[in-house]
Amino acid sequence: MVLSGIPAARVAAGLALIPALLGGCVYMPETSLVYDPDCGVYERKMTLEAYQVGSLMGCRDEGCVTTLVVMGAASAASVIVSGSVMVVGNVASWLEKKGQCMRRAQVPESK
């Protein structure tokens, strides 16, 4: 079998590398607290963390292709959704921090 001039062995080898690249991963936002000494407040920082949920061991033929497509779609969807949550969360945290810093700057220190 030849796919667009590419021998079947190369196509199969290329498909076999996809799980190694994707690794059956989903991405989830992780929140950590970071202290800002200039403001005197704790700020929430969100990052994306990858979690492996499965692998393709001993997979063969068309079942592998279907599994690869599903794993790729799930991985891409989790990056998009979790990435959006992370961006919105970091913007909200930044706005909250700026508001707390402004309030703290406006309150005169008592002597």
N, C-alpha and C. Protein backbone atom coordinates (compact mmCIF):
# COMPACT_ATOMS: atom_id res chain seq x y z
N MET A 1 0.84 -1.18 0.00
CA MET A 1 0.00 0.00 0.00
C MET A 1 0.89 1.25 0.00
N VAL A 2 0.56 2.21 -0.84
CA VAL A 2 1.30 3.45 -0.91
C VAL A 2 0.31 4.59 -0.74
N LEU A 3 0.60 5.50 0.18
CA LEU A 3 -0.27 6.62 0.46
C LEU A 3 0.40 7.89 -0.02
N SER A 4 -0.09 8.47 -1.10
CA SER A 4 0.46 9.70 -1.67
C SER A 4 1.97 9.59 -1.90
N GLY A 5 2.42 8.46 -2.42
CA GLY A 5 3.83 8.28 -2.71
C GLY A 5 4.67 7.89 -1.52
N ILE A 6 4.07 7.69 -0.37
CA ILE A 6 4.80 7.30 0.83
C ILE A 6 4.55 5.81 1.06
N PRO A 7 5.59 5.01 1.16
CA PRO A 7 5.39 3.58 1.41
C PRO A 7 4.67 3.32 2.73
N ALA A 8 3.92 2.22 2.77
CA ALA A 8 3.12 1.87 3.94
C ALA A 8 3.97 1.72 5.20
N ALA A 9 5.20 1.22 5.05
CA ALA A 9 6.06 1.04 6.22
C ALA A 9 6.39 2.38 6.86
N ARG A 10 6.59 3.39 6.03
CA ARG A 10 6.90 4.72 6.59
C ARG A 10 5.66 5.34 7.24
N VAL A 11 4.51 5.13 6.63
CA VAL A 11 3.28 5.64 7.23
C VAL A 11 3.07 4.98 8.58
N ALA A 12 3.24 3.66 8.65
CA ALA A 12 3.07 2.94 9.91
C ALA A 12 4.08 3.41 10.95
N ALA A 13 5.32 3.64 10.53
CA ALA A 13 6.35 4.12 11.47
C ALA A 13 6.00 5.51 11.97
N GLY A 14 5.50 6.35 11.09
CA GLY A 14 5.09 7.70 11.49
C GLY A 14 3.94 7.67 12.47
N LEU A 15 2.96 6.79 12.20
CA LEU A 15 1.83 6.66 13.11
C LEU A 15 2.25 6.10 14.46
N ALA A 16 3.25 5.26 14.47
CA ALA A 16 3.74 4.68 15.72
C ALA A 16 4.42 5.73 16.60
N LEU A 17 4.94 6.79 15.99
CA LEU A 17 5.59 7.85 16.77
C LEU A 17 4.58 8.80 17.41
N ILE A 18 3.39 8.89 16.86
CA ILE A 18 2.40 9.84 17.39
C ILE A 18 2.09 9.59 18.86
N PRO A 19 1.87 8.35 19.30
CA PRO A 19 1.59 8.16 20.73
C PRO A 19 2.75 8.60 21.62
N ALA A 20 3.96 8.45 21.12
CA ALA A 20 5.11 8.91 21.91
C ALA A 20 5.09 10.41 22.05
N LEU A 21 4.64 11.08 21.00
CA LEU A 21 4.58 12.55 21.06
C LEU A 21 3.40 13.01 21.91
N LEU A 22 2.25 12.39 21.72
CA LEU A 22 1.08 12.77 22.49
C LEU A 22 1.08 12.12 23.87
N GLY A 23 1.48 10.87 23.91
CA GLY A 23 1.57 10.15 25.17
C GLY A 23 0.26 9.94 25.87
N GLY A 24 -0.86 10.11 25.17
CA GLY A 24 -2.15 9.95 25.83
C GLY A 24 -2.32 10.97 26.94
N CYS A 25 -1.85 12.19 26.71
CA CYS A 25 -1.86 13.21 27.76
C CYS A 25 -3.11 14.08 27.69
N VAL A 26 -3.53 14.52 28.83
CA VAL A 26 -4.50 15.59 28.94
C VAL A 26 -3.82 16.69 29.76
N TYR A 27 -4.26 17.89 29.55
CA TYR A 27 -3.65 19.04 30.22
C TYR A 27 -4.65 19.67 31.15
N MET A 28 -4.21 19.93 32.37
CA MET A 28 -5.07 20.49 33.40
C MET A 28 -4.39 21.72 34.01
N PRO A 29 -5.17 22.75 34.33
CA PRO A 29 -4.57 23.91 34.99
C PRO A 29 -4.26 23.59 36.46
N GLU A 30 -3.09 24.00 36.91
CA GLU A 30 -2.68 23.84 38.30
C GLU A 30 -2.52 25.24 38.90
N THR A 31 -2.99 25.43 40.11
CA THR A 31 -2.92 26.74 40.76
C THR A 31 -1.91 26.68 41.90
N SER A 32 -1.08 27.71 41.98
CA SER A 32 -0.15 27.83 43.09
C SER A 32 -0.24 29.25 43.64
N LEU A 33 0.10 29.40 44.91
CA LEU A 33 0.11 30.73 45.54
C LEU A 33 1.53 31.25 45.58
N VAL A 34 1.68 32.51 45.18
CA VAL A 34 2.98 33.16 45.17
C VAL A 34 2.85 34.46 45.95
N TYR A 35 3.75 34.67 46.90
CA TYR A 35 3.71 35.90 47.70
C TYR A 35 4.43 37.02 46.97
N ASP A 36 3.79 38.18 46.90
CA ASP A 36 4.39 39.37 46.30
C ASP A 36 4.76 40.33 47.43
N PRO A 37 6.05 40.44 47.77
CA PRO A 37 6.43 41.30 48.90
C PRO A 37 6.21 42.79 48.63
N ASP A 38 6.23 43.21 47.38
CA ASP A 38 5.99 44.62 47.07
C ASP A 38 4.56 45.03 47.42
N CYS A 39 3.61 44.14 47.18
CA CYS A 39 2.21 44.41 47.47
C CYS A 39 1.80 43.90 48.83
N GLY A 40 2.49 42.88 49.31
CA GLY A 40 2.13 42.26 50.58
C GLY A 40 0.91 41.36 50.46
N VAL A 41 0.70 40.79 49.27
CA VAL A 41 -0.45 39.92 49.04
C VAL A 41 0.01 38.61 48.39
N TYR A 42 -0.84 37.60 48.50
CA TYR A 42 -0.61 36.34 47.79
C TYR A 42 -1.35 36.40 46.46
N GLU A 43 -0.68 35.95 45.42
CA GLU A 43 -1.27 35.94 44.09
C GLU A 43 -1.38 34.50 43.61
N ARG A 44 -2.51 34.18 42.99
CA ARG A 44 -2.68 32.84 42.41
C ARG A 44 -2.09 32.83 41.01
N LYS A 45 -1.24 31.85 40.73
CA LYS A 45 -0.66 31.67 39.40
C LYS A 45 -1.11 30.32 38.88
N MET A 46 -1.58 30.29 37.64
CA MET A 46 -2.01 29.03 37.03
C MET A 46 -1.05 28.64 35.93
N THR A 47 -0.75 27.35 35.86
CA THR A 47 0.09 26.78 34.81
C THR A 47 -0.60 25.53 34.28
N LEU A 48 -0.20 25.10 33.08
CA LEU A 48 -0.74 23.86 32.53
C LEU A 48 0.17 22.71 32.88
N GLU A 49 -0.41 21.64 33.38
CA GLU A 49 0.34 20.44 33.70
C GLU A 49 -0.19 19.29 32.85
N ALA A 50 0.71 18.49 32.32
CA ALA A 50 0.32 17.34 31.51
C ALA A 50 0.19 16.10 32.38
N TYR A 51 -0.86 15.33 32.15
CA TYR A 51 -1.08 14.08 32.86
C TYR A 51 -1.28 12.98 31.82
N GLN A 52 -0.53 11.90 31.94
CA GLN A 52 -0.68 10.80 31.01
C GLN A 52 -1.83 9.92 31.48
N VAL A 53 -2.75 9.66 30.58
CA VAL A 53 -3.92 8.86 30.94
C VAL A 53 -3.94 7.50 30.28
N GLY A 54 -3.02 7.24 29.38
CA GLY A 54 -3.01 5.94 28.74
C GLY A 54 -1.89 5.83 27.75
N SER A 55 -1.70 4.65 27.23
CA SER A 55 -0.69 4.43 26.20
C SER A 55 -1.18 3.34 25.27
N LEU A 56 -0.55 3.25 24.14
CA LEU A 56 -0.91 2.23 23.16
C LEU A 56 0.13 1.12 23.19
N MET A 57 -0.15 0.10 23.91
CA MET A 57 0.76 -1.04 23.98
C MET A 57 0.11 -2.21 23.24
N GLY A 58 0.79 -2.76 22.25
CA GLY A 58 0.29 -3.92 21.53
C GLY A 58 -0.88 -3.63 20.62
N CYS A 59 -1.04 -2.42 20.19
CA CYS A 59 -2.14 -2.02 19.33
C CYS A 59 -1.81 -2.39 17.88
N ARG A 60 -2.83 -2.78 17.09
CA ARG A 60 -2.58 -3.19 15.71
C ARG A 60 -3.65 -2.68 14.76
N ASP A 61 -3.24 -2.48 13.52
CA ASP A 61 -4.11 -2.21 12.39
C ASP A 61 -4.98 -0.96 12.57
N GLU A 62 -6.24 -1.05 12.10
CA GLU A 62 -7.12 0.11 12.07
C GLU A 62 -7.53 0.58 13.46
N GLY A 63 -7.53 -0.32 14.43
CA GLY A 63 -7.86 0.07 15.80
C GLY A 63 -6.88 1.10 16.34
N CYS A 64 -5.62 0.97 15.94
CA CYS A 64 -4.60 1.94 16.37
C CYS A 64 -4.88 3.31 15.80
N VAL A 65 -5.24 3.35 14.54
CA VAL A 65 -5.50 4.64 13.88
C VAL A 65 -6.65 5.34 14.58
N THR A 66 -7.71 4.61 14.85
CA THR A 66 -8.87 5.19 15.54
C THR A 66 -8.48 5.68 16.93
N THR A 67 -7.73 4.88 17.65
CA THR A 67 -7.29 5.27 18.99
C THR A 67 -6.40 6.49 18.94
N LEU A 68 -5.50 6.54 17.95
CA LEU A 68 -4.63 7.71 17.81
C LEU A 68 -5.41 8.98 17.54
N VAL A 69 -6.41 8.87 16.68
CA VAL A 69 -7.25 10.03 16.37
C VAL A 69 -7.99 10.51 17.60
N VAL A 70 -8.57 9.58 18.35
CA VAL A 70 -9.31 9.94 19.56
C VAL A 70 -8.37 10.56 20.60
N MET A 71 -7.20 9.93 20.80
CA MET A 71 -6.24 10.46 21.77
C MET A 71 -5.76 11.86 21.36
N GLY A 72 -5.50 12.04 20.08
CA GLY A 72 -5.06 13.35 19.59
C GLY A 72 -6.13 14.40 19.77
N ALA A 73 -7.38 14.05 19.48
CA ALA A 73 -8.48 15.00 19.64
C ALA A 73 -8.69 15.35 21.11
N ALA A 74 -8.62 14.35 21.98
CA ALA A 74 -8.79 14.61 23.42
C ALA A 74 -7.66 15.48 23.95
N SER A 75 -6.44 15.21 23.52
CA SER A 75 -5.30 15.99 23.96
C SER A 75 -5.41 17.44 23.49
N ALA A 76 -5.78 17.62 22.22
CA ALA A 76 -5.92 18.98 21.68
C ALA A 76 -7.06 19.73 22.38
N ALA A 77 -8.17 19.04 22.61
CA ALA A 77 -9.30 19.68 23.28
C ALA A 77 -8.93 20.08 24.70
N SER A 78 -8.19 19.23 25.41
CA SER A 78 -7.82 19.57 26.79
C SER A 78 -6.87 20.75 26.83
N VAL A 79 -5.99 20.87 25.83
CA VAL A 79 -5.08 22.03 25.78
C VAL A 79 -5.88 23.31 25.55
N ILE A 80 -6.83 23.26 24.63
CA ILE A 80 -7.63 24.45 24.32
C ILE A 80 -8.47 24.88 25.52
N VAL A 81 -9.21 23.94 26.10
CA VAL A 81 -10.09 24.28 27.23
C VAL A 81 -9.28 24.69 28.45
N SER A 82 -8.29 23.88 28.83
CA SER A 82 -7.50 24.19 30.02
C SER A 82 -6.65 25.44 29.82
N GLY A 83 -6.15 25.64 28.61
CA GLY A 83 -5.39 26.86 28.33
C GLY A 83 -6.25 28.10 28.47
N SER A 84 -7.49 28.02 28.02
CA SER A 84 -8.42 29.15 28.17
C SER A 84 -8.72 29.42 29.63
N VAL A 85 -8.95 28.36 30.40
CA VAL A 85 -9.20 28.51 31.84
C VAL A 85 -7.99 29.14 32.51
N MET A 86 -6.79 28.71 32.13
CA MET A 86 -5.57 29.25 32.72
C MET A 86 -5.42 30.74 32.42
N VAL A 87 -5.64 31.12 31.17
CA VAL A 87 -5.50 32.54 30.80
C VAL A 87 -6.51 33.40 31.55
N VAL A 88 -7.77 32.98 31.58
CA VAL A 88 -8.80 33.75 32.29
C VAL A 88 -8.49 33.81 33.78
N GLY A 89 -8.06 32.69 34.36
CA GLY A 89 -7.71 32.67 35.79
C GLY A 89 -6.54 33.58 36.12
N ASN A 90 -5.52 33.59 35.27
CA ASN A 90 -4.37 34.45 35.52
C ASN A 90 -4.72 35.93 35.36
N VAL A 91 -5.57 36.26 34.40
CA VAL A 91 -6.00 37.66 34.23
C VAL A 91 -6.82 38.09 35.44
N ALA A 92 -7.75 37.25 35.89
CA ALA A 92 -8.56 37.59 37.06
C ALA A 92 -7.68 37.75 38.30
N SER A 93 -6.71 36.89 38.47
CA SER A 93 -5.80 36.98 39.61
C SER A 93 -4.97 38.25 39.54
N TRP A 94 -4.51 38.59 38.34
CA TRP A 94 -3.72 39.81 38.16
C TRP A 94 -4.55 41.05 38.49
N LEU A 95 -5.81 41.08 38.03
CA LEU A 95 -6.69 42.21 38.34
C LEU A 95 -6.96 42.31 39.83
N GLU A 96 -7.18 41.17 40.48
CA GLU A 96 -7.41 41.15 41.92
C GLU A 96 -6.19 41.67 42.67
N LYS A 97 -5.01 41.24 42.25
CA LYS A 97 -3.77 41.69 42.88
C LYS A 97 -3.59 43.19 42.72
N LYS A 98 -3.82 43.69 41.51
CA LYS A 98 -3.69 45.13 41.26
C LYS A 98 -4.65 45.93 42.12
N GLY A 99 -5.89 45.43 42.28
CA GLY A 99 -6.87 46.10 43.13
C GLY A 99 -6.42 46.13 44.58
N GLN A 100 -5.88 45.02 45.07
CA GLN A 100 -5.41 44.97 46.46
C GLN A 100 -4.20 45.88 46.64
N CYS A 101 -3.32 45.95 45.65
CA CYS A 101 -2.14 46.82 45.75
C CYS A 101 -2.56 48.29 45.78
N MET A 102 -3.55 48.63 44.94
CA MET A 102 -4.01 50.02 44.89
C MET A 102 -4.66 50.41 46.21
N ARG A 103 -5.50 49.51 46.79
CA ARG A 103 -6.12 49.79 48.08
C ARG A 103 -5.09 49.95 49.17
N ARG A 104 -4.08 49.11 49.14
CA ARG A 104 -3.03 49.16 50.16
C ARG A 104 -2.23 50.46 50.02
N ALA A 105 -1.99 50.93 48.80
CA ALA A 105 -1.25 52.16 48.57
C ALA A 105 -2.03 53.38 49.01
N GLN A 106 -3.38 53.29 48.95
CA GLN A 106 -4.22 54.44 49.32
C GLN A 106 -4.41 54.57 50.82
N VAL A 107 -4.25 53.48 51.56
CA VAL A 107 -4.41 53.52 53.02
C VAL A 107 -3.15 54.08 53.64
N PRO A 108 -3.26 55.23 54.33
CA PRO A 108 -2.06 55.81 54.96
C PRO A 108 -1.60 54.93 56.13
N GLU A 109 -0.29 54.81 56.23
CA GLU A 109 0.27 54.03 57.33
C GLU A 109 0.22 54.84 58.62
N SER A 110 -0.21 54.21 59.72
CA SER A 110 -0.28 54.90 61.01
C SER A 110 1.08 54.84 61.67
N LYS A 111 1.42 55.92 62.37
CA LYS A 111 2.73 55.99 63.04
C LYS A 111 2.60 55.84 64.50
